[in-house]
Amino acid sequence: MISLCAAVAIHPYENRCILENGWLEKQRMIYRALADFVLLIHMAFVLFAALGGVLVFKWRRVAWFHIPAALWAALIELVGWVCPLTPLENWLRHKGGEAGYQTGFLDRYLLPLIYPAPFSRSLHVTLGLLVMGVNLAIYWWIWRRANQGRQHRLR
């Protein structure tokens, strides 16, 4: 990549290089901040998909958002797809002058905290099934409580 300051050598104004480098650094900082924002959104989505069923205890309408999110997260893990937020974060990091990562979001950020060993395909499937199992148990319990309340009212 050619430096912006290399072209300034022939330019009569010395501070052009400073201005261009300052603007370039501001652009990179914006891209890095956007990449961090996508990372936070990604983490919030993972937590919502895995544990959002708990919110349904309090607010039943959350289920309209949680069920598709949990199914999407489980599908990504079971099928082995890459979440669209991962390439977006990588692209923003590259534009910000940072290196992206080759693995998925879970491999990069969460698994080193939980599992020190490499993340295998079978572990992906296990996590997908775990997300589905936990959420099915929560929804079953909510459904059961709702039906018990109806039966008491009918008596």
Protein backbone atom coordinates (compact mmCIF):
# COMPACT_ATOMS: atom_id res chain seq x y z
CA MET A 1 0.00 0.00 0.00
CA ILE A 2 1.38 3.42 -0.91
CA SER A 3 1.55 5.87 1.95
CA LEU A 4 -0.49 9.02 1.61
CA CYS A 5 2.55 11.03 2.62
CA ALA A 6 4.57 9.69 -0.33
CA ALA A 7 2.41 11.73 -2.69
CA VAL A 8 2.90 14.86 -0.57
CA ALA A 9 6.59 15.10 -1.35
CA ILE A 10 5.70 16.74 -4.65
CA HIS A 11 2.91 18.79 -3.11
CA PRO A 12 3.91 22.34 -2.07
CA TYR A 13 1.91 22.34 1.16
CA GLU A 14 3.64 20.47 3.97
CA ASN A 15 0.63 20.11 6.24
CA ARG A 16 -1.36 18.14 3.65
CA CYS A 17 0.30 14.95 4.91
CA ILE A 18 -0.71 15.75 8.48
CA LEU A 19 -4.30 16.43 7.43
CA GLU A 20 -4.56 13.27 5.33
CA ASN A 21 -3.05 11.08 8.05
CA GLY A 22 -5.33 12.66 10.66
CA TRP A 23 -8.41 11.97 8.52
CA LEU A 24 -7.26 8.43 7.77
CA GLU A 25 -6.75 7.77 11.47
CA LYS A 26 -10.20 9.16 12.28
CA GLN A 27 -11.72 6.88 9.62
CA ARG A 28 -9.93 3.88 11.06
CA MET A 29 -11.07 4.79 14.57
CA ILE A 30 -14.69 4.98 13.37
CA TYR A 31 -14.40 1.53 11.72
CA ARG A 32 -12.86 0.06 14.87
CA ALA A 33 -15.65 1.54 17.00
CA LEU A 34 -18.26 0.11 14.62
CA ALA A 35 -16.55 -3.31 14.79
CA ASP A 36 -16.68 -3.17 18.59
CA PHE A 37 -20.36 -2.19 18.40
CA VAL A 38 -21.08 -5.19 16.14
CA LEU A 39 -19.19 -7.36 18.65
CA LEU A 40 -21.44 -6.13 21.48
CA ILE A 41 -24.58 -6.70 19.38
CA HIS A 42 -23.31 -10.18 18.54
CA MET A 43 -22.69 -11.01 22.18
CA ALA A 44 -26.11 -9.65 23.18
CA PHE A 45 -27.74 -11.78 20.47
CA VAL A 46 -25.95 -14.93 21.66
CA LEU A 47 -27.03 -14.30 25.25
CA PHE A 48 -30.62 -13.53 24.16
CA ALA A 49 -30.78 -16.65 21.99
CA ALA A 50 -29.42 -18.87 24.75
CA LEU A 51 -31.21 -17.41 27.77
CA GLY A 52 -33.99 -15.19 26.41
CA GLY A 53 -36.61 -17.74 27.33
CA VAL A 54 -36.20 -16.55 30.92
CA LEU A 55 -37.55 -13.13 29.84
CA VAL A 56 -40.69 -14.84 28.59
CA PHE A 57 -41.58 -15.66 32.22
CA LYS A 58 -42.11 -11.94 32.80
CA TRP A 59 -43.05 -10.69 29.32
CA ARG A 60 -44.88 -13.27 27.20
CA ARG A 61 -44.58 -11.22 24.00
CA VAL A 62 -40.79 -11.54 24.06
CA ALA A 63 -41.38 -15.07 22.75
CA TRP A 64 -42.23 -13.60 19.33
CA PHE A 65 -38.62 -12.37 19.11
CA HIS A 66 -36.91 -15.05 21.14
CA ILE A 67 -38.17 -18.17 19.35
CA PRO A 68 -36.82 -17.08 15.91
CA ALA A 69 -33.54 -15.92 17.51
CA ALA A 70 -33.05 -19.22 19.35
CA LEU A 71 -33.91 -21.24 16.23
CA TRP A 72 -31.48 -19.17 14.14
CA ALA A 73 -28.68 -19.60 16.69
CA ALA A 74 -29.28 -23.34 16.97
CA LEU A 75 -29.43 -23.69 13.17
CA ILE A 76 -26.11 -21.87 12.74
CA GLU A 77 -24.46 -24.16 15.27
CA LEU A 78 -26.04 -27.39 14.01
CA VAL A 79 -25.47 -26.78 10.29
CA GLY A 80 -22.07 -25.13 10.70
CA TRP A 81 -22.91 -21.82 9.05
CA VAL A 82 -21.20 -18.55 9.87
CA CYS A 83 -23.33 -15.86 11.45
CA PRO A 84 -23.55 -12.79 9.16
CA LEU A 85 -22.31 -10.59 11.99
CA THR A 86 -18.90 -12.31 11.95
CA PRO A 87 -17.91 -11.27 8.39
CA LEU A 88 -19.32 -7.78 9.06
CA GLU A 89 -17.15 -7.41 12.14
CA ASN A 90 -14.09 -8.73 10.25
CA TRP A 91 -14.70 -6.30 7.38
CA LEU A 92 -14.98 -3.38 9.80
CA ARG A 93 -11.80 -4.48 11.58
CA HIS A 94 -9.88 -4.69 8.28
CA LYS A 95 -11.13 -1.22 7.30
CA GLY A 96 -10.01 -0.03 10.73
CA GLY A 97 -6.48 -1.29 10.14
CA GLU A 98 -6.81 -4.32 12.42
CA ALA A 99 -6.57 -7.99 11.59
CA GLY A 100 -9.85 -9.89 11.49
CA TYR A 101 -10.17 -13.49 12.53
CA GLN A 102 -10.69 -16.68 10.55
CA THR A 103 -12.91 -18.50 13.04
CA GLY A 104 -16.43 -17.78 14.19
CA PHE A 105 -17.58 -15.49 16.97
CA LEU A 106 -17.87 -18.25 19.57
CA ASP A 107 -14.46 -19.66 18.65
CA ARG A 108 -12.82 -16.25 18.93
CA TYR A 109 -14.34 -14.66 22.03
CA LEU A 110 -16.37 -17.02 24.19
CA LEU A 111 -14.75 -20.43 23.93
CA PRO A 112 -11.27 -19.45 25.09
CA LEU A 113 -12.95 -18.37 28.33
CA ILE A 114 -14.84 -21.65 28.73
CA TYR A 115 -12.85 -24.31 26.87
CA PRO A 116 -9.08 -24.03 26.45
CA ALA A 117 -9.01 -26.83 23.84
CA PRO A 118 -9.76 -26.35 20.12
CA PHE A 119 -13.47 -26.04 19.30
CA SER A 120 -14.55 -29.14 17.39
CA ARG A 121 -17.55 -29.65 15.11
CA SER A 122 -19.13 -31.99 17.65
CA LEU A 123 -18.92 -29.21 20.26
CA HIS A 124 -20.76 -26.88 17.84
CA VAL A 125 -23.53 -29.46 17.50
CA THR A 126 -23.61 -29.98 21.27
CA LEU A 127 -23.99 -26.23 21.85
CA GLY A 128 -26.78 -26.03 19.26
CA LEU A 129 -28.63 -28.89 20.94
CA LEU A 130 -28.03 -27.32 24.35
CA VAL A 131 -29.56 -24.00 23.22
CA MET A 132 -32.58 -25.86 21.87
CA GLY A 133 -32.90 -28.07 24.95
CA VAL A 134 -32.67 -25.25 27.50
CA ASN A 135 -35.19 -23.15 25.62
CA LEU A 136 -37.58 -26.04 25.03
CA ALA A 137 -37.50 -26.79 28.76
CA ILE A 138 -38.25 -23.16 29.61
CA TYR A 139 -41.12 -22.94 27.13
CA TRP A 140 -42.51 -26.28 28.26
CA TRP A 141 -42.51 -25.07 31.87
CA ILE A 142 -44.25 -21.80 30.86
CA TRP A 143 -46.85 -23.73 28.85
CA ARG A 144 -47.42 -26.13 31.72
CA ARG A 145 -47.94 -23.29 34.21
CA ALA A 146 -50.35 -21.55 31.85
CA ASN A 147 -52.39 -24.74 31.38
CA GLN A 148 -52.51 -25.44 35.11
CA GLY A 149 -53.90 -21.94 35.65
CA ARG A 150 -56.62 -22.54 33.05
CA GLN A 151 -57.61 -25.87 34.60
CA HIS A 152 -57.99 -24.28 38.04
CA ARG A 153 -60.23 -21.56 36.57
CA LEU A 154 -62.44 -24.14 34.83
CA ARG A 155 -63.16 -26.07 38.05
